[in-house]
């Protein structure tokens, strides 16, 4: 599975891929959202859930190491990369 293939799916399709193939890493909060980070092997994905209205607003995949910075204090992500 790669990021390009992941991004061709609908929001519901991306959720199914994460639940079937993703490995949960951590939660974080931002602006009322509960954001879950998953490892999908060659990329990461976030699920942006709004508990106020019980709605998944965004499911995004990424490869950017910068996008992982909000999780640095929660887990040791450095060991996952060949720096």
PDB file of N, CA and C in Angstrom:
ATOM      1  N   UNK A   1       0.846  -1.173   0.000  1.00  0.00           N
ATOM      2  CA  UNK A   1       0.000   0.000   0.000  1.00  0.00           C
ATOM      3  C   UNK A   1       0.889   1.233   0.000  1.00  0.00           C
ATOM      4  N   UNK A   2       0.555   2.187  -0.842  1.00  0.00           N
ATOM      5  CA  UNK A   2       1.310   3.430  -0.834  1.00  0.00           C
ATOM      6  C   UNK A   2       0.360   4.615  -0.692  1.00  0.00           C
ATOM      7  N   UNK A   3       0.931   5.777  -0.449  1.00  0.00           N
ATOM      8  CA  UNK A   3       0.152   6.970  -0.174  1.00  0.00           C
ATOM      9  C   UNK A   3      -0.714   7.379  -1.369  1.00  0.00           C
ATOM     10  N   UNK A   4      -0.213   7.252  -2.563  1.00  0.00           N
ATOM     11  CA  UNK A   4      -0.983   7.614  -3.749  1.00  0.00           C
ATOM     12  C   UNK A   4      -2.245   6.770  -3.856  1.00  0.00           C
ATOM     13  N   UNK A   5      -2.118   5.471  -3.658  1.00  0.00           N
ATOM     14  CA  UNK A   5      -3.274   4.579  -3.689  1.00  0.00           C
ATOM     15  C   UNK A   5      -4.263   4.938  -2.575  1.00  0.00           C
ATOM     16  N   UNK A   6      -3.759   5.183  -1.385  1.00  0.00           N
ATOM     17  CA  UNK A   6      -4.582   5.559  -0.240  1.00  0.00           C
ATOM     18  C   UNK A   6      -5.408   6.807  -0.559  1.00  0.00           C
ATOM     19  N   UNK A   7      -4.765   7.796  -1.166  1.00  0.00           N
ATOM     20  CA  UNK A   7      -5.429   9.064  -1.443  1.00  0.00           C
ATOM     21  C   UNK A   7      -6.469   8.989  -2.552  1.00  0.00           C
ATOM     22  N   UNK A   8      -6.519   7.905  -3.311  1.00  0.00           N
ATOM     23  CA  UNK A   8      -7.542   7.769  -4.353  1.00  0.00           C
ATOM     24  C   UNK A   8      -8.893   7.349  -3.777  1.00  0.00           C
ATOM     25  N   UNK A   9      -8.923   6.970  -2.519  1.00  0.00           N
ATOM     26  CA  UNK A   9     -10.149   6.492  -1.885  1.00  0.00           C
ATOM     27  C   UNK A   9     -10.946   7.635  -1.237  1.00  0.00           C
ATOM     28  N   UNK A  10     -12.213   7.385  -1.045  1.00  0.00           N
ATOM     29  CA  UNK A  10     -13.072   8.316  -0.328  1.00  0.00           C
ATOM     30  C   UNK A  10     -12.676   8.329   1.140  1.00  0.00           C
ATOM     31  N   UNK A  11     -13.267   9.232   1.898  1.00  0.00           N
ATOM     32  CA  UNK A  11     -13.018   9.278   3.330  1.00  0.00           C
ATOM     33  C   UNK A  11     -13.352   7.933   3.965  1.00  0.00           C
ATOM     34  N   UNK A  12     -14.502   7.379   3.617  1.00  0.00           N
ATOM     35  CA  UNK A  12     -14.901   6.076   4.173  1.00  0.00           C
ATOM     36  C   UNK A  12     -13.923   4.981   3.758  1.00  0.00           C
ATOM     37  N   UNK A  13     -13.456   5.019   2.537  1.00  0.00           N
ATOM     38  CA  UNK A  13     -12.493   4.031   2.058  1.00  0.00           C
ATOM     39  C   UNK A  13     -11.166   4.136   2.784  1.00  0.00           C
ATOM     40  N   UNK A  14     -10.720   5.366   3.035  1.00  0.00           N
ATOM     41  CA  UNK A  14      -9.469   5.564   3.779  1.00  0.00           C
ATOM     42  C   UNK A  14      -9.609   5.054   5.212  1.00  0.00           C
ATOM     43  N   UNK A  15     -10.780   5.276   5.818  1.00  0.00           N
ATOM     44  CA  UNK A  15     -11.014   4.740   7.165  1.00  0.00           C
ATOM     45  C   UNK A  15     -10.924   3.220   7.176  1.00  0.00           C
ATOM     46  N   UNK A  16     -11.539   2.585   6.199  1.00  0.00           N
ATOM     47  CA  UNK A  16     -11.489   1.114   6.124  1.00  0.00           C
ATOM     48  C   UNK A  16     -10.066   0.612   5.970  1.00  0.00           C
ATOM     49  N   UNK A  17      -9.269   1.297   5.161  1.00  0.00           N
ATOM     50  CA  UNK A  17      -7.867   0.898   4.975  1.00  0.00           C
ATOM     51  C   UNK A  17      -7.106   1.022   6.289  1.00  0.00           C
ATOM     52  N   UNK A  18      -7.316   2.117   7.004  1.00  0.00           N
ATOM     53  CA  UNK A  18      -6.629   2.309   8.288  1.00  0.00           C
ATOM     54  C   UNK A  18      -7.027   1.226   9.269  1.00  0.00           C
ATOM     55  N   UNK A  19      -8.307   0.943   9.388  1.00  0.00           N
ATOM     56  CA  UNK A  19      -8.762  -0.068  10.346  1.00  0.00           C
ATOM     57  C   UNK A  19      -8.271  -1.460   9.979  1.00  0.00           C
ATOM     58  N   UNK A  20      -8.132  -1.747   8.693  1.00  0.00           N
ATOM     59  CA  UNK A  20      -7.685  -3.067   8.257  1.00  0.00           C
ATOM     60  C   UNK A  20      -6.167  -3.228   8.304  1.00  0.00           C
ATOM     61  N   UNK A  21      -5.426  -2.152   8.022  1.00  0.00           N
ATOM     62  CA  UNK A  21      -3.975  -2.291   7.843  1.00  0.00           C
ATOM     63  C   UNK A  21      -3.128  -1.394   8.746  1.00  0.00           C
ATOM     64  N   UNK A  22      -3.758  -0.454   9.430  1.00  0.00           N
ATOM     65  CA  UNK A  22      -2.994   0.500  10.224  1.00  0.00           C
ATOM     66  C   UNK A  22      -2.656  -0.003  11.613  1.00  0.00           C
ATOM     67  N   UNK A  23      -1.563   0.513  12.122  1.00  0.00           N
ATOM     68  CA  UNK A  23      -1.144   0.245  13.499  1.00  0.00           C
ATOM     69  C   UNK A  23      -1.237   1.553  14.268  1.00  0.00           C
ATOM     70  N   UNK A  24      -2.114   1.577  15.272  1.00  0.00           N
ATOM     71  CA  UNK A  24      -2.304   2.784  16.070  1.00  0.00           C
ATOM     72  C   UNK A  24      -1.010   3.155  16.784  1.00  0.00           C
ATOM     73  N   UNK A  25      -0.705   4.467  16.778  1.00  0.00           N
ATOM     74  CA  UNK A  25       0.494   4.955  17.460  1.00  0.00           C
ATOM     75  C   UNK A  25       0.137   5.855  18.637  1.00  0.00           C
ATOM     76  N   UNK A  26      -0.698   6.882  18.411  1.00  0.00           N
ATOM     77  CA  UNK A  26      -0.965   7.848  19.486  1.00  0.00           C
ATOM     78  C   UNK A  26      -2.189   8.701  19.169  1.00  0.00           C
ATOM     79  N   UNK A  27      -2.701   9.336  20.228  1.00  0.00           N
ATOM     80  CA  UNK A  27      -3.744  10.350  20.106  1.00  0.00           C
ATOM     81  C   UNK A  27      -3.149  11.707  20.428  1.00  0.00           C
ATOM     82  N   UNK A  28      -3.768  12.750  19.880  1.00  0.00           N
ATOM     83  CA  UNK A  28      -3.484  14.120  20.293  1.00  0.00           C
ATOM     84  C   UNK A  28      -4.764  14.921  20.118  1.00  0.00           C
ATOM     85  N   UNK A  29      -4.802  16.094  20.702  1.00  0.00           N
ATOM     86  CA  UNK A  29      -5.958  16.959  20.573  1.00  0.00           C
ATOM     87  C   UNK A  29      -5.585  18.258  19.902  1.00  0.00           C
ATOM     88  N   UNK A  30      -6.535  18.825  19.173  1.00  0.00           N
ATOM     89  CA  UNK A  30      -6.326  20.138  18.560  1.00  0.00           C
ATOM     90  C   UNK A  30      -7.675  20.734  18.199  1.00  0.00           C
ATOM     91  N   UNK A  31      -7.929  21.927  18.724  1.00  0.00           N
ATOM     92  CA  UNK A  31      -9.143  22.686  18.402  1.00  0.00           C
ATOM     93  C   UNK A  31     -10.428  21.859  18.521  1.00  0.00           C
ATOM     94  N   UNK A  32     -10.520  21.083  19.567  1.00  0.00           N
ATOM     95  CA  UNK A  32     -11.715  20.282  19.809  1.00  0.00           C
ATOM     96  C   UNK A  32     -11.736  18.932  19.118  1.00  0.00           C
ATOM     97  N   UNK A  33     -10.735  18.657  18.287  1.00  0.00           N
ATOM     98  CA  UNK A  33     -10.649  17.361  17.599  1.00  0.00           C
ATOM     99  C   UNK A  33      -9.818  16.381  18.404  1.00  0.00           C
ATOM    100  N   UNK A  34     -10.144  15.127  18.286  1.00  0.00           N
ATOM    101  CA  UNK A  34      -9.333  14.020  18.817  1.00  0.00           C
ATOM    102  C   UNK A  34      -8.709  13.373  17.587  1.00  0.00           C
ATOM    103  N   UNK A  35      -7.397  13.475  17.485  1.00  0.00           N
ATOM    104  CA  UNK A  35      -6.683  13.047  16.286  1.00  0.00           C
ATOM    105  C   UNK A  35      -5.892  11.785  16.599  1.00  0.00           C
ATOM    106  N   UNK A  36      -6.132  10.743  15.819  1.00  0.00           N
ATOM    107  CA  UNK A  36      -5.446   9.460  16.005  1.00  0.00           C
ATOM    108  C   UNK A  36      -4.423   9.272  14.893  1.00  0.00           C
ATOM    109  N   UNK A  37      -3.215   8.899  15.272  1.00  0.00           N
ATOM    110  CA  UNK A  37      -2.132   8.657  14.322  1.00  0.00           C
ATOM    111  C   UNK A  37      -1.942   7.162  14.123  1.00  0.00           C
ATOM    112  N   UNK A  38      -1.823   6.753  12.862  1.00  0.00           N
ATOM    113  CA  UNK A  38      -1.616   5.349  12.504  1.00  0.00           C
ATOM    114  C   UNK A  38      -0.418   5.212  11.581  1.00  0.00           C
ATOM    115  N   UNK A  39       0.298   4.111  11.726  1.00  0.00           N
ATOM    116  CA  UNK A  39       1.394   3.740  10.831  1.00  0.00           C
ATOM    117  C   UNK A  39       0.840   2.751   9.814  1.00  0.00           C
ATOM    118  N   UNK A  40       1.049   3.055   8.535  1.00  0.00           N
ATOM    119  CA  UNK A  40       0.609   2.146   7.479  1.00  0.00           C
ATOM    120  C   UNK A  40       1.807   1.629   6.668  1.00  0.00           C
ATOM    121  N   UNK A  41       2.936   1.544   7.290  1.00  0.00           N
ATOM    122  CA  UNK A  41       4.121   0.988   6.636  1.00  0.00           C
ATOM    123  C   UNK A  41       4.925   2.038   5.899  1.00  0.00           C
ATOM    124  N   UNK A  42       4.487   2.428   4.712  1.00  0.00           N
ATOM    125  CA  UNK A  42       5.250   3.395   3.923  1.00  0.00           C
ATOM    126  C   UNK A  42       4.774   4.836   4.123  1.00  0.00           C
ATOM    127  N   UNK A  43       3.758   5.035   4.952  1.00  0.00           N
ATOM    128  CA  UNK A  43       3.266   6.369   5.262  1.00  0.00           C
ATOM    129  C   UNK A  43       2.483   6.326   6.569  1.00  0.00           C
ATOM    130  N   UNK A  44       2.103   7.507   7.041  1.00  0.00           N
ATOM    131  CA  UNK A  44       1.291   7.641   8.245  1.00  0.00           C
ATOM    132  C   UNK A  44      -0.068   8.203   7.868  1.00  0.00           C
ATOM    133  N   UNK A  45      -1.030   8.033   8.738  1.00  0.00           N
ATOM    134  CA  UNK A  45      -2.364   8.586   8.506  1.00  0.00           C
ATOM    135  C   UNK A  45      -2.932   9.099   9.819  1.00  0.00           C
ATOM    136  N   UNK A  46      -3.740  10.156   9.714  1.00  0.00           N
ATOM    137  CA  UNK A  46      -4.449  10.701  10.858  1.00  0.00           C
ATOM    138  C   UNK A  46      -5.952  10.629  10.605  1.00  0.00           C
ATOM    139  N   UNK A  47      -6.675  10.340  11.665  1.00  0.00           N
ATOM    140  CA  UNK A  47      -8.135  10.420  11.653  1.00  0.00           C
ATOM    141  C   UNK A  47      -8.503  11.573  12.580  1.00  0.00           C
ATOM    142  N   UNK A  48      -9.166  12.588  12.028  1.00  0.00           N
ATOM    143  CA  UNK A  48      -9.608  13.757  12.792  1.00  0.00           C
ATOM    144  C   UNK A  48     -11.066  13.553  13.166  1.00  0.00           C
ATOM    145  N   UNK A  49     -11.302  13.301  14.438  1.00  0.00           N
ATOM    146  CA  UNK A  49     -12.644  13.016  14.951  1.00  0.00           C
ATOM    147  C   UNK A  49     -13.114  14.172  15.834  1.00  0.00           C
ATOM    148  N   UNK A  50     -14.346  14.637  15.601  1.00  0.00           N
ATOM    149  CA  UNK A  50     -14.926  15.697  16.413  1.00  0.00           C
ATOM    150  C   UNK A  50     -15.933  15.078  17.378  1.00  0.00           C
ATOM    151  N   UNK A  51     -15.577  14.947  18.655  1.00  0.00           N
ATOM    152  CA  UNK A  51     -16.499  14.314  19.606  1.00  0.00           C
ATOM    153  C   UNK A  51     -17.756  15.140  19.877  1.00  0.00           C
ATOM    154  N   UNK A  52     -17.708  16.443  19.627  1.00  0.00           N
ATOM    155  CA  UNK A  52     -18.874  17.288  19.882  1.00  0.00           C
ATOM    156  C   UNK A  52     -20.045  16.918  18.987  1.00  0.00           C
ATOM    157  N   UNK A  53     -19.738  16.522  17.745  1.00  0.00           N
ATOM    158  CA  UNK A  53     -20.825  16.133  16.833  1.00  0.00           C
ATOM    159  C   UNK A  53     -20.713  14.686  16.366  1.00  0.00           C
ATOM    160  N   UNK A  54     -19.782  13.927  16.981  1.00  0.00           N
ATOM    161  CA  UNK A  54     -19.598  12.508  16.668  1.00  0.00           C
ATOM    162  C   UNK A  54     -19.385  12.292  15.174  1.00  0.00           C
ATOM    163  N   UNK A  55     -18.402  13.031  14.612  1.00  0.00           N
ATOM    164  CA  UNK A  55     -18.193  13.028  13.163  1.00  0.00           C
ATOM    165  C   UNK A  55     -16.700  12.985  12.842  1.00  0.00           C
ATOM    166  N   UNK A  56     -16.326  12.151  11.889  1.00  0.00           N
ATOM    167  CA  UNK A  56     -14.955  12.138  11.380  1.00  0.00           C
ATOM    168  C   UNK A  56     -14.884  13.196  10.283  1.00  0.00           C
ATOM    169  N   UNK A  57     -14.120  14.236  10.530  1.00  0.00           N
ATOM    170  CA  UNK A  57     -14.044  15.361   9.607  1.00  0.00           C
ATOM    171  C   UNK A  57     -12.969  15.202   8.543  1.00  0.00           C
ATOM    172  N   UNK A  58     -11.896  14.491   8.883  1.00  0.00           N
ATOM    173  CA  UNK A  58     -10.759  14.408   7.968  1.00  0.00           C
ATOM    174  C   UNK A  58     -10.017  13.098   8.193  1.00  0.00           C
ATOM    175  N   UNK A  59      -9.591  12.497   7.112  1.00  0.00           N
ATOM    176  CA  UNK A  59      -8.685  11.353   7.163  1.00  0.00           C
ATOM    177  C   UNK A  59      -7.582  11.669   6.162  1.00  0.00           C
ATOM    178  N   UNK A  60      -6.375  11.845   6.654  1.00  0.00           N
ATOM    179  CA  UNK A  60      -5.296  12.248   5.754  1.00  0.00           C
ATOM    180  C   UNK A  60      -4.080  11.354   5.917  1.00  0.00           C
ATOM    181  N   UNK A  61      -3.449  11.070   4.810  1.00  0.00           N
ATOM    182  CA  UNK A  61      -2.208  10.322   4.801  1.00  0.00           C
ATOM    183  C   UNK A  61      -1.064  11.266   4.500  1.00  0.00           C
ATOM    184  N   UNK A  62       0.125  10.948   5.009  1.00  0.00           N
ATOM    185  CA  UNK A  62       1.281  11.807   4.762  1.00  0.00           C
ATOM    186  C   UNK A  62       2.576  11.027   4.974  1.00  0.00           C
ATOM    187  N   UNK A  63       3.640  11.562   4.396  1.00  0.00           N
ATOM    188  CA  UNK A  63       4.971  10.995   4.591  1.00  0.00           C
ATOM    189  C   UNK A  63       5.904  11.990   5.276  1.00  0.00           C
ATOM    190  N   UNK A  64       5.437  13.209   5.448  1.00  0.00           N
ATOM    191  CA  UNK A  64       6.238  14.284   6.021  1.00  0.00           C
ATOM    192  C   UNK A  64       6.618  13.994   7.470  1.00  0.00           C
ATOM    193  N   UNK A  65       7.900  14.053   7.755  1.00  0.00           N
ATOM    194  CA  UNK A  65       8.367  13.889   9.130  1.00  0.00           C
ATOM    195  C   UNK A  65       7.953  15.085   9.973  1.00  0.00           C
ATOM    196  N   UNK A  66       7.835  16.247   9.358  1.00  0.00           N
ATOM    197  CA  UNK A  66       7.409  17.449  10.079  1.00  0.00           C
ATOM    198  C   UNK A  66       5.994  17.284  10.635  1.00  0.00           C
ATOM    199  N   UNK A  67       5.130  16.584   9.917  1.00  0.00           N
ATOM    200  CA  UNK A  67       3.754  16.366  10.372  1.00  0.00           C
ATOM    201  C   UNK A  67       3.693  15.467  11.609  1.00  0.00           C
ATOM    202  N   UNK A  68       4.787  14.790  11.908  1.00  0.00           N
ATOM    203  CA  UNK A  68       4.848  13.929  13.104  1.00  0.00           C
ATOM    204  C   UNK A  68       5.251  14.688  14.367  1.00  0.00           C
ATOM    205  N   UNK A  69       5.713  15.921  14.219  1.00  0.00           N
ATOM    206  CA  UNK A  69       6.213  16.679  15.364  1.00  0.00           C
ATOM    207  C   UNK A  69       5.226  16.796  16.527  1.00  0.00           C
ATOM    208  N   UNK A  70       3.913  16.949  16.291  1.00  0.00           N
ATOM    209  CA  UNK A  70       3.004  17.036  17.434  1.00  0.00           C
ATOM    210  C   UNK A  70       2.974  15.783  18.309  1.00  0.00           C
ATOM    211  N   UNK A  71       3.506  14.685  17.818  1.00  0.00           N
ATOM    212  CA  UNK A  71       3.487  13.419  18.555  1.00  0.00           C
ATOM    213  C   UNK A  71       4.810  13.104  19.255  1.00  0.00           C
ATOM    214  N   UNK A  72       5.822  13.904  19.027  1.00  0.00           N
ATOM    215  CA  UNK A  72       7.169  13.611  19.526  1.00  0.00           C
ATOM    216  C   UNK A  72       7.200  13.419  21.040  1.00  0.00           C
ATOM    217  N   UNK A  73       6.434  14.201  21.778  1.00  0.00           N
ATOM    218  CA  UNK A  73       6.443  14.089  23.244  1.00  0.00           C
ATOM    219  C   UNK A  73       5.734  12.845  23.756  1.00  0.00           C
ATOM    220  N   UNK A  74       4.931  12.210  22.914  1.00  0.00           N
ATOM    221  CA  UNK A  74       4.149  11.052  23.349  1.00  0.00           C
ATOM    222  C   UNK A  74       4.838   9.718  23.068  1.00  0.00           C
ATOM    223  N   UNK A  75       5.506   9.626  21.925  1.00  0.00           N
ATOM    224  CA  UNK A  75       6.143   8.369  21.534  1.00  0.00           C
ATOM    225  C   UNK A  75       7.509   8.654  20.927  1.00  0.00           C
ATOM    226  N   UNK A  76       8.368   7.656  20.940  1.00  0.00           N
ATOM    227  CA  UNK A  76       9.682   7.788  20.333  1.00  0.00           C
ATOM    228  C   UNK A  76       9.593   7.368  18.875  1.00  0.00           C
ATOM    229  N   UNK A  77       9.338   8.339  18.013  1.00  0.00           N
ATOM    230  CA  UNK A  77       9.221   8.059  16.590  1.00  0.00           C
ATOM    231  C   UNK A  77      10.577   8.017  15.896  1.00  0.00           C
ATOM    232  N   UNK A  78      11.608   8.498  16.561  1.00  0.00           N
ATOM    233  CA  UNK A  78      12.926   8.571  15.942  1.00  0.00           C
ATOM    234  C   UNK A  78      13.457   7.198  15.545  1.00  0.00           C
ATOM    235  N   UNK A  79      13.129   6.182  16.310  1.00  0.00           N
ATOM    236  CA  UNK A  79      13.641   4.852  16.002  1.00  0.00           C
ATOM    237  C   UNK A  79      13.002   4.247  14.738  1.00  0.00           C
ATOM    238  N   UNK A  80      11.942   4.872  14.247  1.00  0.00           N
ATOM    239  CA  UNK A  80      11.259   4.356  13.067  1.00  0.00           C
ATOM    240  C   UNK A  80      11.952   4.790  11.772  1.00  0.00           C
ATOM    241  N   UNK A  81      12.881   5.739  11.882  1.00  0.00           N
ATOM    242  CA  UNK A  81      13.520   6.289  10.698  1.00  0.00           C
ATOM    243  C   UNK A  81      15.010   5.999  10.672  1.00  0.00           C
ATOM    244  N   UNK A  82      15.542   5.985   9.486  1.00  0.00           N
ATOM    245  CA  UNK A  82      16.992   5.895   9.292  1.00  0.00           C
ATOM    246  C   UNK A  82      17.505   7.316   9.116  1.00  0.00           C
ATOM    247  N   UNK A  83      17.833   7.970  10.204  1.00  0.00           N
ATOM    248  CA  UNK A  83      18.260   9.374  10.143  1.00  0.00           C
ATOM    249  C   UNK A  83      19.674   9.448   9.715  1.00  0.00           C
TER     250      UNK A  83
END
